[in-house]
């Protein structure tokens, strides 16, 4: 597993970057008729925040156990993919407002990231 971690790290970081880019693009596309600069700025920060947190957590994870880092990389990949799917509108019901997914997905993502960070940072590598 130790030899796979650098590859999984690169894949996780790449998908986080792609996920953030596509998520912001989909958000701007969904809000293209919105004339409020303040609201679009707030949504931009809110949608980008989980991806920023993923990168910050990844930067702090070097002392984590291999299993904890594996979970982090899987979380990075999962959040990136699920965010793009949710923001694309595929999961929307006919009566759902456009903003709903852009409000809920970052909140759930941040909650998952917080759990991964708390558990990962508490796991200590075996003493040598």
N, C-alpha and C. Protein backbone atom coordinates (compact mmCIF):
# COMPACT_ATOMS: atom_id res chain seq x y z
N UNK A 1 0.82 -1.19 0.00
CA UNK A 1 0.00 0.00 0.00
C UNK A 1 0.87 1.26 0.00
N UNK A 2 2.01 1.20 0.65
CA UNK A 2 2.90 2.37 0.72
C UNK A 2 3.31 2.86 -0.67
N UNK A 3 3.49 1.92 -1.62
CA UNK A 3 3.91 2.32 -2.96
C UNK A 3 2.77 2.95 -3.75
N UNK A 4 1.53 2.63 -3.40
CA UNK A 4 0.38 3.21 -4.09
C UNK A 4 0.03 4.61 -3.60
N UNK A 5 0.43 4.95 -2.39
CA UNK A 5 0.02 6.23 -1.81
C UNK A 5 0.43 7.45 -2.64
N UNK A 6 1.66 7.51 -3.17
CA UNK A 6 2.00 8.70 -4.00
C UNK A 6 1.12 8.81 -5.25
N UNK A 7 0.78 7.69 -5.84
CA UNK A 7 -0.09 7.72 -7.03
C UNK A 7 -1.49 8.17 -6.62
N UNK A 8 -2.02 7.60 -5.55
CA UNK A 8 -3.36 7.98 -5.08
C UNK A 8 -3.40 9.45 -4.66
N UNK A 9 -2.31 9.93 -4.11
CA UNK A 9 -2.22 11.34 -3.73
C UNK A 9 -2.32 12.24 -4.96
N UNK A 10 -1.57 11.90 -5.99
CA UNK A 10 -1.62 12.69 -7.23
C UNK A 10 -3.00 12.66 -7.86
N UNK A 11 -3.61 11.48 -7.90
CA UNK A 11 -4.95 11.34 -8.46
C UNK A 11 -5.94 12.16 -7.63
N UNK A 12 -5.83 12.07 -6.30
CA UNK A 12 -6.72 12.83 -5.43
C UNK A 12 -6.59 14.33 -5.63
N UNK A 13 -5.37 14.82 -5.70
CA UNK A 13 -5.15 16.25 -5.92
C UNK A 13 -5.63 16.69 -7.30
N UNK A 14 -5.37 15.85 -8.31
CA UNK A 14 -5.83 16.18 -9.67
C UNK A 14 -7.35 16.25 -9.72
N UNK A 15 -8.02 15.24 -9.17
CA UNK A 15 -9.49 15.23 -9.19
C UNK A 15 -10.07 16.36 -8.34
N UNK A 16 -9.38 16.73 -7.28
CA UNK A 16 -9.83 17.87 -6.48
C UNK A 16 -9.77 19.15 -7.30
N UNK A 17 -8.69 19.34 -8.03
CA UNK A 17 -8.56 20.52 -8.89
C UNK A 17 -9.62 20.52 -9.99
N UNK A 18 -9.79 19.38 -10.65
CA UNK A 18 -10.80 19.27 -11.72
C UNK A 18 -12.20 19.46 -11.14
N UNK A 19 -12.45 18.82 -9.99
CA UNK A 19 -13.76 18.95 -9.35
C UNK A 19 -14.07 20.39 -8.97
N UNK A 20 -13.09 21.10 -8.44
CA UNK A 20 -13.29 22.50 -8.06
C UNK A 20 -13.57 23.35 -9.30
N UNK A 21 -12.80 23.13 -10.34
CA UNK A 21 -12.98 23.90 -11.57
C UNK A 21 -14.35 23.66 -12.18
N UNK A 22 -14.73 22.40 -12.32
CA UNK A 22 -16.03 22.08 -12.91
C UNK A 22 -17.17 22.54 -12.01
N UNK A 23 -17.02 22.41 -10.71
CA UNK A 23 -18.07 22.84 -9.78
C UNK A 23 -18.31 24.34 -9.89
N UNK A 24 -17.23 25.11 -9.94
CA UNK A 24 -17.38 26.56 -10.08
C UNK A 24 -17.97 26.93 -11.44
N UNK A 25 -17.55 26.24 -12.48
CA UNK A 25 -18.11 26.51 -13.80
C UNK A 25 -19.62 26.22 -13.82
N UNK A 26 -20.02 25.08 -13.24
CA UNK A 26 -21.45 24.74 -13.19
C UNK A 26 -22.22 25.74 -12.33
N UNK A 27 -21.60 26.22 -11.26
CA UNK A 27 -22.25 27.20 -10.41
C UNK A 27 -22.47 28.52 -11.16
N UNK A 28 -21.42 28.97 -11.88
CA UNK A 28 -21.57 30.20 -12.66
C UNK A 28 -22.60 30.04 -13.78
N UNK A 29 -22.64 28.87 -14.37
CA UNK A 29 -23.63 28.60 -15.42
C UNK A 29 -25.04 28.63 -14.83
N UNK A 30 -25.22 28.02 -13.67
CA UNK A 30 -26.54 28.00 -13.03
C UNK A 30 -26.98 29.39 -12.59
N UNK A 31 -26.02 30.24 -12.22
CA UNK A 31 -26.36 31.57 -11.73
C UNK A 31 -26.13 32.68 -12.73
N UNK A 32 -26.07 32.33 -14.01
CA UNK A 32 -25.74 33.35 -15.02
C UNK A 32 -26.77 34.47 -15.11
N UNK A 33 -28.00 34.23 -14.69
CA UNK A 33 -29.02 35.29 -14.74
C UNK A 33 -29.06 36.10 -13.45
N UNK A 34 -28.31 35.67 -12.46
CA UNK A 34 -28.29 36.37 -11.18
C UNK A 34 -27.42 37.62 -11.31
N UNK A 35 -27.97 38.74 -10.96
CA UNK A 35 -27.25 40.00 -11.10
C UNK A 35 -26.56 40.46 -9.82
N UNK A 36 -26.71 39.72 -8.75
CA UNK A 36 -26.12 40.11 -7.48
C UNK A 36 -24.67 39.63 -7.40
N UNK A 37 -23.76 40.58 -7.42
CA UNK A 37 -22.34 40.26 -7.31
C UNK A 37 -22.02 39.68 -5.94
N UNK A 38 -22.63 40.22 -4.91
CA UNK A 38 -22.40 39.73 -3.56
C UNK A 38 -22.84 38.28 -3.41
N UNK A 39 -24.02 37.95 -3.91
CA UNK A 39 -24.53 36.59 -3.81
C UNK A 39 -23.63 35.61 -4.58
N UNK A 40 -23.21 35.99 -5.77
CA UNK A 40 -22.33 35.11 -6.57
C UNK A 40 -20.97 34.95 -5.89
N UNK A 41 -20.48 36.00 -5.25
CA UNK A 41 -19.22 35.91 -4.52
C UNK A 41 -19.35 34.95 -3.34
N UNK A 42 -20.46 35.06 -2.62
CA UNK A 42 -20.69 34.16 -1.48
C UNK A 42 -20.82 32.72 -1.94
N UNK A 43 -21.55 32.48 -3.03
CA UNK A 43 -21.68 31.13 -3.56
C UNK A 43 -20.33 30.60 -4.05
N UNK A 44 -19.53 31.44 -4.64
CA UNK A 44 -18.20 31.02 -5.11
C UNK A 44 -17.34 30.53 -3.95
N UNK A 45 -17.33 31.30 -2.88
CA UNK A 45 -16.56 30.90 -1.70
C UNK A 45 -17.12 29.61 -1.11
N UNK A 46 -18.44 29.52 -1.00
CA UNK A 46 -19.09 28.35 -0.40
C UNK A 46 -18.83 27.08 -1.21
N UNK A 47 -18.92 27.17 -2.53
CA UNK A 47 -18.72 25.99 -3.38
C UNK A 47 -17.24 25.61 -3.42
N UNK A 48 -16.34 26.57 -3.38
CA UNK A 48 -14.91 26.28 -3.42
C UNK A 48 -14.35 25.81 -2.08
N UNK A 49 -15.01 26.15 -0.99
CA UNK A 49 -14.49 25.86 0.35
C UNK A 49 -14.16 24.38 0.60
N UNK A 50 -15.02 23.43 0.23
CA UNK A 50 -14.64 22.03 0.47
C UNK A 50 -13.36 21.61 -0.25
N UNK A 51 -13.16 22.11 -1.45
CA UNK A 51 -11.96 21.76 -2.21
C UNK A 51 -10.71 22.39 -1.58
N UNK A 52 -10.85 23.62 -1.10
CA UNK A 52 -9.75 24.27 -0.41
C UNK A 52 -9.41 23.50 0.87
N UNK A 53 -10.44 23.09 1.60
CA UNK A 53 -10.23 22.32 2.83
C UNK A 53 -9.57 20.98 2.54
N UNK A 54 -9.97 20.33 1.45
CA UNK A 54 -9.34 19.05 1.09
C UNK A 54 -7.84 19.22 0.87
N UNK A 55 -7.45 20.27 0.18
CA UNK A 55 -6.03 20.51 -0.08
C UNK A 55 -5.31 20.83 1.23
N UNK A 56 -5.93 21.63 2.09
CA UNK A 56 -5.30 21.96 3.38
C UNK A 56 -5.15 20.72 4.25
N UNK A 57 -6.17 19.87 4.28
CA UNK A 57 -6.08 18.63 5.06
C UNK A 57 -4.99 17.73 4.48
N UNK A 58 -4.91 17.65 3.16
CA UNK A 58 -3.88 16.83 2.52
C UNK A 58 -2.49 17.32 2.91
N UNK A 59 -2.31 18.63 3.00
CA UNK A 59 -1.02 19.19 3.38
C UNK A 59 -0.64 18.82 4.82
N UNK A 60 -1.63 18.62 5.67
CA UNK A 60 -1.38 18.27 7.08
C UNK A 60 -1.30 16.77 7.31
N UNK A 61 -1.53 15.95 6.28
CA UNK A 61 -1.68 14.51 6.47
C UNK A 61 -0.38 13.72 6.36
N UNK A 62 0.74 14.37 6.20
CA UNK A 62 1.99 13.63 5.98
C UNK A 62 2.38 12.74 7.15
N UNK A 63 1.94 13.08 8.35
CA UNK A 63 2.28 12.26 9.52
C UNK A 63 1.23 11.20 9.83
N UNK A 64 0.19 11.14 9.03
CA UNK A 64 -0.89 10.18 9.26
C UNK A 64 -0.45 8.77 8.89
N UNK A 65 -1.19 7.80 9.38
CA UNK A 65 -0.94 6.41 9.00
C UNK A 65 -1.29 6.22 7.53
N UNK A 66 -0.73 5.22 6.89
CA UNK A 66 -1.08 4.96 5.48
C UNK A 66 -2.58 4.73 5.27
N UNK A 67 -3.22 4.06 6.20
CA UNK A 67 -4.67 3.81 6.06
C UNK A 67 -5.44 5.13 6.13
N UNK A 68 -5.06 6.01 7.04
CA UNK A 68 -5.74 7.31 7.16
C UNK A 68 -5.54 8.14 5.90
N UNK A 69 -4.33 8.11 5.33
CA UNK A 69 -4.10 8.85 4.09
C UNK A 69 -4.87 8.23 2.93
N UNK A 70 -4.98 6.93 2.91
CA UNK A 70 -5.78 6.25 1.88
C UNK A 70 -7.23 6.70 1.96
N UNK A 71 -7.77 6.78 3.16
CA UNK A 71 -9.14 7.25 3.35
C UNK A 71 -9.27 8.70 2.89
N UNK A 72 -8.29 9.53 3.20
CA UNK A 72 -8.31 10.92 2.76
C UNK A 72 -8.33 11.01 1.23
N UNK A 73 -7.46 10.25 0.56
CA UNK A 73 -7.39 10.31 -0.90
C UNK A 73 -8.69 9.82 -1.52
N UNK A 74 -9.28 8.79 -0.94
CA UNK A 74 -10.57 8.30 -1.44
C UNK A 74 -11.66 9.35 -1.23
N UNK A 75 -11.58 10.05 -0.11
CA UNK A 75 -12.54 11.12 0.17
C UNK A 75 -12.39 12.26 -0.84
N UNK A 76 -11.15 12.61 -1.16
CA UNK A 76 -10.89 13.67 -2.14
C UNK A 76 -11.53 13.31 -3.49
N UNK A 77 -11.30 12.09 -3.90
CA UNK A 77 -11.82 11.64 -5.20
C UNK A 77 -13.35 11.58 -5.18
N UNK A 78 -13.91 11.07 -4.09
CA UNK A 78 -15.36 10.92 -3.99
C UNK A 78 -16.07 12.27 -3.97
N UNK A 79 -15.56 13.20 -3.17
CA UNK A 79 -16.18 14.51 -3.08
C UNK A 79 -16.11 15.24 -4.42
N UNK A 80 -14.99 15.13 -5.12
CA UNK A 80 -14.86 15.78 -6.43
C UNK A 80 -15.89 15.23 -7.41
N UNK A 81 -16.02 13.92 -7.47
CA UNK A 81 -16.94 13.30 -8.44
C UNK A 81 -18.39 13.58 -8.06
N UNK A 82 -18.73 13.39 -6.80
CA UNK A 82 -20.12 13.59 -6.37
C UNK A 82 -20.53 15.05 -6.52
N UNK A 83 -19.63 15.98 -6.24
CA UNK A 83 -19.96 17.40 -6.39
C UNK A 83 -20.31 17.73 -7.83
N UNK A 84 -19.50 17.27 -8.76
CA UNK A 84 -19.77 17.56 -10.17
C UNK A 84 -21.09 16.93 -10.60
N UNK A 85 -21.34 15.71 -10.17
CA UNK A 85 -22.61 15.05 -10.52
C UNK A 85 -23.79 15.84 -9.94
N UNK A 86 -23.69 16.22 -8.68
CA UNK A 86 -24.79 16.95 -8.03
C UNK A 86 -25.02 18.31 -8.68
N UNK A 87 -23.94 19.02 -8.98
CA UNK A 87 -24.06 20.35 -9.56
C UNK A 87 -24.50 20.32 -11.03
N UNK A 88 -24.33 19.19 -11.68
CA UNK A 88 -24.69 19.11 -13.10
C UNK A 88 -26.20 19.17 -13.32
N UNK A 89 -26.97 18.88 -12.28
CA UNK A 89 -28.42 18.91 -12.41
C UNK A 89 -29.04 17.55 -12.65
N UNK A 90 -28.23 16.53 -12.79
CA UNK A 90 -28.74 15.18 -13.06
C UNK A 90 -29.63 14.70 -11.92
N UNK A 91 -29.31 15.07 -10.69
CA UNK A 91 -30.05 14.59 -9.52
C UNK A 91 -31.22 15.49 -9.14
N UNK A 92 -31.39 16.61 -9.83
CA UNK A 92 -32.46 17.55 -9.49
C UNK A 92 -33.83 16.98 -9.84
N UNK A 93 -34.79 17.26 -8.96
CA UNK A 93 -36.18 16.94 -9.25
C UNK A 93 -36.80 18.14 -9.96
N UNK A 94 -37.93 17.97 -10.64
CA UNK A 94 -38.52 19.09 -11.38
C UNK A 94 -38.85 20.31 -10.52
N UNK A 95 -39.20 20.12 -9.27
CA UNK A 95 -39.56 21.25 -8.43
C UNK A 95 -38.41 21.81 -7.59
N UNK A 96 -37.20 21.30 -7.82
CA UNK A 96 -36.04 21.72 -7.03
C UNK A 96 -35.45 23.03 -7.58
N UNK A 97 -35.12 23.92 -6.65
CA UNK A 97 -34.47 25.18 -7.04
C UNK A 97 -33.02 24.91 -7.42
N UNK A 98 -32.49 25.71 -8.35
CA UNK A 98 -31.10 25.55 -8.79
C UNK A 98 -30.11 25.65 -7.63
N UNK A 99 -30.37 26.53 -6.69
CA UNK A 99 -29.41 26.80 -5.63
C UNK A 99 -29.34 25.68 -4.59
N UNK A 100 -30.32 24.80 -4.54
CA UNK A 100 -30.38 23.79 -3.48
C UNK A 100 -29.10 22.97 -3.39
N UNK A 101 -28.68 22.38 -4.49
CA UNK A 101 -27.47 21.54 -4.46
C UNK A 101 -26.23 22.35 -4.10
N UNK A 102 -26.20 23.61 -4.56
CA UNK A 102 -25.03 24.45 -4.27
C UNK A 102 -24.98 24.89 -2.80
N UNK A 103 -26.08 24.74 -2.10
CA UNK A 103 -26.10 25.01 -0.67
C UNK A 103 -25.82 23.75 0.16
N UNK A 104 -26.39 22.63 -0.25
CA UNK A 104 -26.35 21.41 0.55
C UNK A 104 -25.05 20.62 0.36
N UNK A 105 -24.60 20.47 -0.87
CA UNK A 105 -23.42 19.64 -1.14
C UNK A 105 -22.17 20.15 -0.41
N UNK A 106 -21.87 21.44 -0.43
CA UNK A 106 -20.70 21.90 0.33
C UNK A 106 -20.82 21.62 1.84
N UNK A 107 -22.02 21.76 2.38
CA UNK A 107 -22.21 21.51 3.81
C UNK A 107 -21.91 20.05 4.15
N UNK A 108 -22.48 19.13 3.38
CA UNK A 108 -22.20 17.71 3.61
C UNK A 108 -20.73 17.38 3.37
N UNK A 109 -20.16 17.98 2.34
CA UNK A 109 -18.75 17.73 2.05
C UNK A 109 -17.86 18.19 3.20
N UNK A 110 -18.14 19.37 3.73
CA UNK A 110 -17.35 19.88 4.85
C UNK A 110 -17.49 19.01 6.09
N UNK A 111 -18.69 18.48 6.30
CA UNK A 111 -18.89 17.58 7.45
C UNK A 111 -18.07 16.30 7.28
N UNK A 112 -18.06 15.75 6.09
CA UNK A 112 -17.28 14.53 5.83
C UNK A 112 -15.79 14.82 5.97
N UNK A 113 -15.34 15.96 5.44
CA UNK A 113 -13.93 16.33 5.55
C UNK A 113 -13.53 16.49 7.02
N UNK A 114 -14.41 17.09 7.81
CA UNK A 114 -14.11 17.28 9.24
C UNK A 114 -13.94 15.93 9.94
N UNK A 115 -14.80 14.98 9.62
CA UNK A 115 -14.70 13.65 10.23
C UNK A 115 -13.39 12.97 9.82
N UNK A 116 -13.08 13.03 8.53
CA UNK A 116 -11.84 12.41 8.04
C UNK A 116 -10.63 13.07 8.70
N UNK A 117 -10.65 14.39 8.83
CA UNK A 117 -9.54 15.09 9.46
C UNK A 117 -9.39 14.70 10.94
N UNK A 118 -10.50 14.71 11.66
CA UNK A 118 -10.44 14.38 13.08
C UNK A 118 -9.97 12.95 13.32
N UNK A 119 -10.51 12.02 12.56
CA UNK A 119 -10.10 10.62 12.73
C UNK A 119 -8.66 10.42 12.27
N UNK A 120 -8.32 10.96 11.10
CA UNK A 120 -6.97 10.80 10.56
C UNK A 120 -5.90 11.41 11.45
N UNK A 121 -6.19 12.56 12.02
CA UNK A 121 -5.17 13.21 12.86
C UNK A 121 -5.03 12.54 14.22
N UNK A 122 -6.02 11.77 14.63
CA UNK A 122 -5.94 11.04 15.90
C UNK A 122 -5.26 9.69 15.75
N UNK A 123 -5.21 9.17 14.55
CA UNK A 123 -4.56 7.88 14.32
C UNK A 123 -3.06 8.09 14.31
N UNK A 124 -2.38 7.40 15.16
CA UNK A 124 -0.94 7.55 15.27
C UNK A 124 -0.24 6.41 14.53
N UNK A 125 0.82 6.73 13.81
CA UNK A 125 1.59 5.64 13.18
C UNK A 125 2.20 4.76 14.25
N UNK A 126 2.41 3.49 13.92
CA UNK A 126 2.99 2.58 14.92
C UNK A 126 4.39 3.05 15.34
N UNK A 127 4.69 2.88 16.62
CA UNK A 127 6.00 3.26 17.15
C UNK A 127 7.06 2.31 16.62
N UNK A 128 8.22 2.88 16.31
CA UNK A 128 9.30 2.04 15.75
C UNK A 128 10.46 1.94 16.68
